[in-house]
Amino acid sequence: MKKLFCHHKWVFFCLIVLCLGLVACAPSQPVKGRLIVWHTWDEAEAPVIEQVLADFRRLHPEIQISVERKEYATVLDEFAEASRAGLGPDVLIGLESVYAHLLYQNGLAANVNKMDIDWTVFEPGTLQSVQRGNDVRVGVPLNAYVSVLYFNRSQIDTPPDSFDALQAISEKGIKVGLPATFFASYWGITGLGGSVFDGDALSANSQAGIANWLDWLVAFQQTPGAVLSSDTRALVDSFVRGDIALLVMDSLELASLEERLGREQFGVATLPGFPHAQAFSTVELIVVNSASVQTEAAAQLSNFLSNAAQQRKLARTTSGRAPVNRAVSLNPTLFPRISAISQQNRTAVVPTTVQDGLINRLIVEADPIYQQVLEGLITPDAGAQMIIDAVKNDRGGPSQ
């Protein structure tokens, strides 16, 4: 009888082990959910992101998705109002990182660092845009845009790759349009060997770097082809009319320029002085609503949009947006425009959230002083000193 009991006991034990093994080997259940997704892409490019979302829906039928396009100018207010009423989206696609930090600060954006996101696909510099302290990330990078050089093919055969070459073109009377503001022309400071930041504060050489760039702009302004302006829309319109042959401008202008000029009329190149000429990179994010309960589905969507295949597809089919997945490279022969934009973005300066505050103060102080210097009211050295002194005396954040 005891032997029989032991036999039954052994069988029972084997059944338990077998069941545990079956449980361990059973495939994980697919994530189920329903996502309300807003995006901010304009009407011309909305079909691109909406097709990618449709591809995700086809591959993951267990996750239902409803998609709505929103105007960028009003989406922050709409998101805040809807979210506070319990009616907001689960995911917002295409929000600049500085505004994502604002949403998080107001309790409206989730800390996605706690979600199952594959962060290894991004460059460390790109992740600076979403990092907030050690344990918080306010969104998932989707793409980025950056200043590049546009050139009219009927007037320029080979775009200039140095400051000397740019000046030589202007010396010939060929019109060159440069935005004369701190943010849009930051590439000139770095391109001439200067620096403004040391970590999240002003560098010891920030004043010298700004003065050197202002001095170059003053000299460049004396050449026959120089067109310096703080009015970026006027510069773009002049380029479209053919009045300007070379234009430094944001890569997001590419779609509008292609629509107004046609693809064959102009080209895109890296900035003069590349790779030392480092512009600011603006990173667009996927933001998750802090009130959403669909975090697993949101994480799965985020990983899908940031994988190499989707990043490559978005780069090829959208105008002016650089991929942020570190594994994506584009053939410059087949995709010359986005390849140039991607190259420029890989060397760009991605501001941290602390630097964003410092940059805002620099913009406020520097932009009017840039104009005074170019109008001959003050010298480049005096202008640079005024800018740095004003920023240091502002107690709104770090100075040095």
Protein backbone atom coordinates (compact mmCIF):
# COMPACT_ATOMS: atom_id res chain seq x y z
CA MET A 1 0.00 0.00 0.00
CA LYS A 2 2.82 2.37 0.82
CA LYS A 3 4.48 1.48 -2.50
CA LEU A 4 1.24 2.24 -4.37
CA PHE A 5 0.98 5.58 -2.58
CA CYS A 6 4.54 6.46 -3.58
CA HIS A 7 3.75 5.52 -7.18
CA HIS A 8 0.72 7.86 -7.24
CA LYS A 9 2.78 10.56 -5.58
CA TRP A 10 5.43 10.24 -8.32
CA VAL A 11 2.83 10.43 -11.08
CA PHE A 12 1.28 13.50 -9.44
CA PHE A 13 4.73 15.14 -9.22
CA CYS A 14 5.40 14.42 -12.91
CA LEU A 15 2.06 15.96 -13.89
CA ILE A 16 2.93 19.13 -11.97
CA VAL A 17 6.34 19.37 -13.67
CA LEU A 18 4.74 18.74 -17.07
CA CYS A 19 2.15 21.45 -16.50
CA LEU A 20 4.80 23.89 -15.38
CA GLY A 21 6.83 23.06 -18.47
CA LEU A 22 3.84 23.64 -20.72
CA VAL A 23 3.17 26.96 -19.08
CA ALA A 24 6.80 28.00 -19.43
CA CYS A 25 6.91 26.99 -23.09
CA ALA A 26 3.55 28.49 -24.03
CA PRO A 27 3.90 31.51 -26.35
CA SER A 28 3.23 34.88 -24.74
CA GLN A 29 -0.18 36.27 -25.48
CA PRO A 30 -0.27 39.19 -27.94
CA VAL A 31 -0.89 42.59 -26.48
CA LYS A 32 -4.49 43.65 -26.91
CA GLY A 33 -5.78 47.17 -26.73
CA ARG A 34 -7.34 50.17 -28.35
CA LEU A 35 -5.29 53.26 -29.14
CA ILE A 36 -6.53 56.74 -29.94
CA VAL A 37 -3.69 58.36 -31.89
CA TRP A 38 -3.26 62.03 -32.79
CA HIS A 39 -0.54 63.22 -35.16
CA THR A 40 0.61 66.69 -36.23
CA TRP A 41 1.91 66.03 -39.75
CA ASP A 42 0.61 68.46 -42.35
CA GLU A 43 -1.98 67.53 -44.99
CA ALA A 44 0.64 66.82 -47.66
CA GLU A 45 2.49 64.26 -45.52
CA ALA A 46 -0.37 62.95 -43.38
CA PRO A 47 -0.97 59.98 -45.76
CA VAL A 48 2.61 58.79 -45.10
CA ILE A 49 2.32 58.46 -41.32
CA GLU A 50 -1.26 57.20 -41.63
CA GLN A 51 -0.12 54.45 -44.00
CA VAL A 52 2.56 53.37 -41.51
CA LEU A 53 -0.10 53.27 -38.79
CA ALA A 54 -2.31 51.20 -41.11
CA ASP A 55 0.60 48.77 -41.60
CA PHE A 56 0.90 48.43 -37.83
CA ARG A 57 -2.85 47.77 -37.57
CA ARG A 58 -2.59 45.07 -40.25
CA LEU A 59 0.31 43.35 -38.46
CA HIS A 60 -1.37 43.69 -35.05
CA PRO A 61 -5.12 43.23 -35.58
CA GLU A 62 -5.51 42.67 -31.84
CA ILE A 63 -4.76 46.39 -31.31
CA GLN A 64 -7.45 48.72 -32.62
CA ILE A 65 -6.31 52.18 -33.68
CA SER A 66 -8.25 55.34 -34.46
CA VAL A 67 -6.19 58.15 -36.03
CA GLU A 68 -6.81 61.89 -36.19
CA ARG A 69 -4.68 64.68 -37.64
CA LYS A 70 -4.27 67.88 -35.59
CA GLU A 71 -2.86 71.29 -36.43
CA TYR A 72 0.52 71.76 -34.77
CA ALA A 73 -0.26 75.33 -33.72
CA THR A 74 -3.21 74.25 -31.57
CA VAL A 75 -2.41 70.67 -30.57
CA LEU A 76 -0.90 71.51 -27.17
CA ASP A 77 -4.03 73.30 -25.98
CA GLU A 78 -6.29 70.62 -27.47
CA PHE A 79 -4.27 67.83 -25.86
CA ALA A 80 -4.30 69.51 -22.45
CA GLU A 81 -8.02 70.30 -22.57
CA ALA A 82 -9.05 66.86 -23.82
CA SER A 83 -6.76 65.02 -21.41
CA ARG A 84 -8.05 66.90 -18.37
CA ALA A 85 -11.57 66.00 -19.44
CA GLY A 86 -10.61 62.34 -19.78
CA LEU A 87 -11.05 62.46 -23.56
CA GLY A 88 -7.45 62.84 -24.73
CA PRO A 89 -5.57 60.50 -27.07
CA ASP A 90 -3.41 57.67 -25.83
CA VAL A 91 -0.57 58.68 -28.16
CA LEU A 92 0.49 61.97 -29.74
CA ILE A 93 2.89 61.70 -32.71
CA GLY A 94 5.08 64.52 -33.98
CA LEU A 95 5.56 66.81 -30.98
CA GLU A 96 8.86 68.66 -30.57
CA SER A 97 10.75 67.55 -27.48
CA VAL A 98 10.63 70.96 -25.78
CA TYR A 99 6.81 70.80 -25.75
CA ALA A 100 6.81 67.20 -24.58
CA HIS A 101 8.80 68.33 -21.54
CA LEU A 102 6.16 71.00 -20.96
CA LEU A 103 3.38 68.40 -21.04
CA TYR A 104 5.28 66.20 -18.59
CA GLN A 105 5.90 69.15 -16.31
CA ASN A 106 2.15 69.70 -16.19
CA GLY A 107 1.38 66.04 -15.47
CA LEU A 108 -0.02 65.29 -18.95
CA ALA A 109 2.73 63.16 -20.49
CA ALA A 110 3.75 59.74 -19.19
CA ASN A 111 7.24 58.70 -18.16
CA VAL A 112 7.91 56.26 -20.99
CA ASN A 113 11.18 55.16 -19.38
CA LYS A 114 9.05 52.73 -17.38
CA MET A 115 7.63 51.19 -20.56
CA ASP A 116 9.03 48.32 -22.62
CA ILE A 117 10.82 50.51 -25.19
CA ASP A 118 13.96 49.43 -27.07
CA TRP A 119 16.21 52.40 -26.30
CA THR A 120 19.28 50.76 -27.82
CA VAL A 121 18.25 51.79 -31.37
CA PHE A 122 18.89 55.49 -30.64
CA GLU A 123 22.12 57.48 -30.45
CA PRO A 124 22.89 58.77 -26.93
CA GLY A 125 22.73 62.33 -28.27
CA THR A 126 19.21 61.79 -29.57
CA LEU A 127 18.11 60.50 -26.17
CA GLN A 128 19.24 63.78 -24.62
CA SER A 129 16.12 65.35 -26.11
CA VAL A 130 13.79 63.13 -24.07
CA GLN A 131 15.80 62.74 -20.87
CA ARG A 132 14.59 64.51 -17.75
CA GLY A 133 16.77 63.62 -14.80
CA ASN A 134 18.09 60.09 -14.40
CA ASP A 135 14.86 58.10 -14.47
CA VAL A 136 12.44 60.04 -16.67
CA ARG A 137 11.97 60.10 -20.46
CA VAL A 138 9.12 62.21 -21.78
CA GLY A 139 8.71 60.52 -25.15
CA VAL A 140 10.17 58.23 -27.81
CA PRO A 141 12.19 59.82 -30.65
CA LEU A 142 10.53 59.53 -34.07
CA ASN A 143 12.53 61.80 -36.42
CA ALA A 144 14.48 65.05 -36.47
CA TYR A 145 15.07 68.11 -38.60
CA VAL A 146 18.03 70.45 -38.91
CA SER A 147 19.39 73.40 -40.91
CA VAL A 148 20.83 72.51 -44.32
CA LEU A 149 21.99 74.29 -47.48
CA TYR A 150 19.56 74.58 -50.41
CA PHE A 151 20.95 75.54 -53.81
CA ASN A 152 19.35 76.52 -57.13
CA ARG A 153 20.68 74.12 -59.76
CA SER A 154 20.32 76.65 -62.57
CA GLN A 155 22.74 78.99 -60.80
CA ILE A 156 25.01 76.71 -58.75
CA ASP A 157 26.67 73.54 -60.05
CA THR A 158 28.54 72.58 -56.90
CA PRO A 159 27.42 73.82 -53.46
CA PRO A 160 30.17 75.39 -51.29
CA ASP A 161 31.63 73.14 -48.62
CA SER A 162 33.59 75.78 -46.68
CA PHE A 163 33.18 79.32 -45.38
CA ASP A 164 35.77 80.56 -47.87
CA ALA A 165 33.92 78.93 -50.77
CA LEU A 166 30.63 80.46 -49.59
CA GLN A 167 32.20 83.90 -49.42
CA ALA A 168 33.80 83.46 -52.85
CA ILE A 169 30.39 82.75 -54.39
CA SER A 170 28.94 85.85 -52.80
CA GLU A 171 31.92 87.88 -54.03
CA LYS A 172 30.80 87.04 -57.58
CA GLY A 173 27.41 88.63 -56.90
CA ILE A 174 25.55 85.33 -56.64
CA LYS A 175 22.93 85.81 -53.94
CA VAL A 176 23.35 83.88 -50.69
CA GLY A 177 20.59 83.97 -48.06
CA LEU A 178 21.51 83.42 -44.41
CA PRO A 179 19.13 83.77 -41.43
CA ALA A 180 20.66 86.26 -39.00
CA THR A 181 19.33 84.86 -35.72
CA PHE A 182 21.06 82.96 -32.92
CA PHE A 183 19.20 79.65 -33.27
CA ALA A 184 19.10 79.45 -37.07
CA SER A 185 22.75 80.48 -37.50
CA TYR A 186 24.27 78.60 -34.57
CA TRP A 187 26.10 76.39 -37.08
CA GLY A 188 28.39 79.32 -37.90
CA ILE A 189 29.70 79.54 -34.34
CA THR A 190 30.69 75.87 -34.28
CA GLY A 191 31.82 75.90 -37.91
CA LEU A 192 34.43 78.55 -37.10
CA GLY A 193 35.72 76.55 -34.16
CA GLY A 194 33.70 78.23 -31.41
CA SER A 195 31.48 76.83 -28.69
CA VAL A 196 28.70 78.20 -26.52
CA PHE A 197 27.90 75.30 -24.20
CA ASP A 198 29.89 73.42 -21.63
CA GLY A 199 27.46 70.75 -20.55
CA ASP A 200 24.28 72.55 -19.48
CA ALA A 201 26.00 75.92 -18.92
CA LEU A 202 27.78 78.56 -20.95
CA SER A 203 31.33 77.63 -21.92
CA ALA A 204 34.27 79.79 -20.91
CA ASN A 205 34.76 80.66 -24.60
CA SER A 206 31.12 81.40 -25.42
CA GLN A 207 31.67 85.13 -25.78
CA ALA A 208 34.67 84.64 -28.08
CA GLY A 209 32.76 82.13 -30.21
CA ILE A 210 29.80 84.48 -30.71
CA ALA A 211 32.09 87.47 -31.40
CA ASN A 212 34.03 85.52 -34.04
CA TRP A 213 30.82 84.52 -35.83
CA LEU A 214 29.42 88.06 -35.71
CA ASP A 215 32.70 89.36 -37.09
CA TRP A 216 32.46 86.91 -40.00
CA LEU A 217 28.85 87.92 -40.69
CA VAL A 218 29.79 91.61 -40.76
CA ALA A 219 32.56 90.90 -43.28
CA PHE A 220 30.31 88.62 -45.33
CA GLN A 221 27.62 91.29 -45.40
CA GLN A 222 30.00 93.52 -47.40
CA THR A 223 30.13 91.02 -50.30
CA PRO A 224 27.82 91.77 -53.27
CA GLY A 225 25.71 88.61 -52.96
CA ALA A 226 25.10 88.59 -49.20
CA VAL A 227 21.45 88.61 -48.06
CA LEU A 228 21.23 88.48 -44.25
CA SER A 229 17.82 88.66 -42.60
CA SER A 230 15.96 87.62 -39.48
CA ASP A 231 12.83 87.20 -41.66
CA THR A 232 13.05 83.54 -42.64
CA ARG A 233 9.81 83.61 -44.66
CA ALA A 234 11.15 86.44 -46.80
CA LEU A 235 14.35 84.46 -47.43
CA VAL A 236 12.40 81.36 -48.47
CA ASP A 237 10.17 83.39 -50.81
CA SER A 238 13.24 84.98 -52.40
CA PHE A 239 14.73 81.53 -52.99
CA VAL A 240 11.52 80.33 -54.61
CA ARG A 241 11.46 83.37 -56.93
CA GLY A 242 15.05 82.68 -57.95
CA ASP A 243 16.36 85.89 -56.39
CA ILE A 244 18.57 83.85 -54.04
CA ALA A 245 20.73 81.01 -55.35
CA LEU A 246 21.87 79.59 -51.99
CA LEU A 247 19.81 79.41 -48.81
CA VAL A 248 20.51 78.06 -45.33
CA MET A 249 17.20 77.00 -43.85
CA ASP A 250 15.39 74.34 -41.85
CA SER A 251 15.13 70.92 -43.52
CA LEU A 252 11.36 70.89 -42.92
CA GLU A 253 11.12 73.51 -45.69
CA LEU A 254 11.92 70.76 -48.18
CA ALA A 255 8.31 69.71 -48.76
CA SER A 256 7.17 73.27 -49.39
CA LEU A 257 10.10 73.99 -51.70
CA GLU A 258 9.46 70.84 -53.71
CA GLU A 259 5.80 71.81 -54.09
CA ARG A 260 6.59 75.38 -55.14
CA LEU A 261 9.71 74.77 -57.26
CA GLY A 262 9.67 71.14 -58.32
CA ARG A 263 12.25 68.53 -57.34
CA GLU A 264 14.62 69.12 -60.23
CA GLN A 265 15.02 72.86 -59.68
CA PHE A 266 17.09 72.71 -56.49
CA GLY A 267 19.39 70.51 -54.45
CA VAL A 268 20.19 69.94 -50.79
CA ALA A 269 23.67 69.82 -49.25
CA THR A 270 25.33 69.82 -45.85
CA LEU A 271 26.29 73.22 -44.43
CA PRO A 272 29.55 74.96 -45.34
CA GLY A 273 32.19 73.83 -42.87
CA PHE A 274 30.54 70.42 -42.32
CA PRO A 275 31.13 68.37 -40.19
CA HIS A 276 32.40 71.08 -37.83
CA ALA A 277 29.41 73.30 -38.65
CA GLN A 278 26.90 71.84 -36.22
CA ALA A 279 23.36 73.15 -36.31
CA PHE A 280 20.72 72.55 -33.65
CA SER A 281 18.68 69.39 -34.17
CA THR A 282 14.97 69.47 -33.33
CA VAL A 283 13.68 66.01 -32.39
CA GLU A 284 10.03 65.06 -32.86
CA LEU A 285 8.61 62.55 -30.41
CA ILE A 286 5.95 59.98 -29.78
CA VAL A 287 4.30 61.10 -26.53
CA VAL A 288 2.08 58.89 -24.36
CA ASN A 289 -0.75 60.41 -22.35
CA SER A 290 -0.16 60.09 -18.61
CA ALA A 291 -3.82 59.09 -18.18
CA SER A 292 -3.68 56.29 -20.76
CA VAL A 293 -4.13 52.70 -19.60
CA GLN A 294 -2.97 51.41 -23.00
CA THR A 295 0.73 51.61 -22.19
CA GLU A 296 1.64 48.14 -23.51
CA ALA A 297 -0.01 48.84 -26.85
CA ALA A 298 1.59 52.31 -26.93
CA ALA A 299 5.02 50.77 -26.31
CA GLN A 300 4.49 48.26 -29.09
CA LEU A 301 3.49 51.04 -31.50
CA SER A 302 6.51 53.13 -30.46
CA ASN A 303 8.90 50.24 -31.05
CA PHE A 304 7.32 49.64 -34.46
CA LEU A 305 7.67 53.27 -35.55
CA SER A 306 11.29 53.44 -34.40
CA ASN A 307 12.49 50.16 -35.90
CA ALA A 308 14.95 50.35 -38.80
CA ALA A 309 12.48 49.32 -41.52
CA GLN A 310 9.87 51.95 -40.60
CA GLN A 311 12.51 54.62 -40.02
CA ARG A 312 13.93 53.94 -43.48
CA LYS A 313 10.46 54.08 -45.01
CA LEU A 314 9.60 57.36 -43.29
CA ALA A 315 12.91 58.92 -44.36
CA ARG A 316 12.42 57.96 -47.99
CA THR A 317 8.81 59.07 -48.25
CA THR A 318 8.74 62.24 -46.14
CA SER A 319 10.36 65.57 -46.88
CA GLY A 320 13.05 66.91 -44.62
CA ARG A 321 12.82 64.53 -41.66
CA ALA A 322 15.96 62.63 -40.70
CA PRO A 323 15.75 59.11 -39.22
CA VAL A 324 16.76 58.70 -35.58
CA ASN A 325 17.40 54.94 -35.59
CA ARG A 326 21.18 54.59 -35.45
CA ALA A 327 21.17 51.58 -37.81
CA VAL A 328 19.57 53.46 -40.72
CA SER A 329 21.80 54.71 -43.51
CA LEU A 330 20.64 55.94 -46.90
CA ASN A 331 22.32 55.66 -50.27
CA PRO A 332 23.36 59.21 -51.25
CA THR A 333 23.06 58.35 -54.95
CA LEU A 334 19.50 57.09 -54.69
CA PHE A 335 18.36 59.49 -51.94
CA PRO A 336 20.65 62.55 -52.14
CA ARG A 337 18.37 65.00 -50.30
CA ILE A 338 17.49 62.99 -47.23
CA SER A 339 21.02 61.57 -47.15
CA ALA A 340 22.46 65.11 -46.84
CA ILE A 341 19.89 65.97 -44.17
CA SER A 342 20.68 62.77 -42.27
CA GLN A 343 24.43 63.45 -42.43
CA GLN A 344 23.93 66.97 -41.09
CA ASN A 345 21.69 65.71 -38.31
CA ARG A 346 24.20 63.06 -37.18
CA THR A 347 26.66 65.81 -36.23
CA ALA A 348 24.02 68.24 -34.91
CA VAL A 349 23.67 69.60 -31.39
CA VAL A 350 20.69 68.03 -29.60
CA PRO A 351 19.84 70.31 -26.66
CA THR A 352 19.13 68.83 -23.25
CA THR A 353 16.06 70.07 -21.39
CA VAL A 354 18.30 72.34 -19.28
CA GLN A 355 20.01 73.68 -22.39
CA ASP A 356 16.59 74.47 -23.88
CA GLY A 357 16.06 77.04 -21.15
CA LEU A 358 19.50 78.54 -21.77
CA ILE A 359 18.89 78.62 -25.53
CA ASN A 360 15.61 80.48 -25.02
CA ARG A 361 17.44 83.12 -22.99
CA LEU A 362 20.15 83.38 -25.66
CA ILE A 363 17.52 83.84 -28.37
CA VAL A 364 15.81 86.62 -26.44
CA GLU A 365 19.06 88.45 -25.77
CA ALA A 366 21.02 87.65 -28.95
CA ASP A 367 18.54 88.20 -31.79
CA PRO A 368 18.10 91.97 -31.39
CA ILE A 369 21.83 92.41 -30.74
CA TYR A 370 22.68 90.47 -33.91
CA GLN A 371 20.64 93.07 -35.82
CA GLN A 372 22.38 95.98 -34.09
CA VAL A 373 25.78 94.53 -35.00
CA LEU A 374 24.80 94.01 -38.65
CA GLU A 375 23.42 97.56 -38.81
CA GLY A 376 26.77 98.88 -37.60
CA LEU A 377 25.43 100.26 -34.33
CA ILE A 378 27.80 98.20 -32.17
CA THR A 379 30.92 96.09 -32.82
CA PRO A 380 30.89 92.28 -32.86
CA ASP A 381 32.99 92.17 -29.68
CA ALA A 382 30.67 94.58 -27.87
CA GLY A 383 27.61 92.69 -29.09
CA ALA A 384 28.94 89.34 -27.89
CA GLN A 385 29.77 90.78 -24.48
CA MET A 386 26.29 92.30 -24.19
CA ILE A 387 24.69 88.94 -25.01
CA ILE A 388 26.72 86.93 -22.50
CA ASP A 389 26.40 89.56 -19.76
CA ALA A 390 22.63 89.67 -20.21
CA VAL A 391 22.31 85.88 -20.04
CA LYS A 392 24.54 85.66 -16.95
CA ASN A 393 22.53 88.37 -15.21
CA ASP A 394 19.29 86.54 -15.93
CA ARG A 395 18.57 84.42 -12.86
CA GLY A 396 16.16 82.16 -14.75
CA GLY A 397 18.71 79.35 -15.04
CA PRO A 398 22.37 78.40 -15.25
CA SER A 399 24.97 80.80 -16.55
CA GLN A 400 28.37 79.19 -16.16
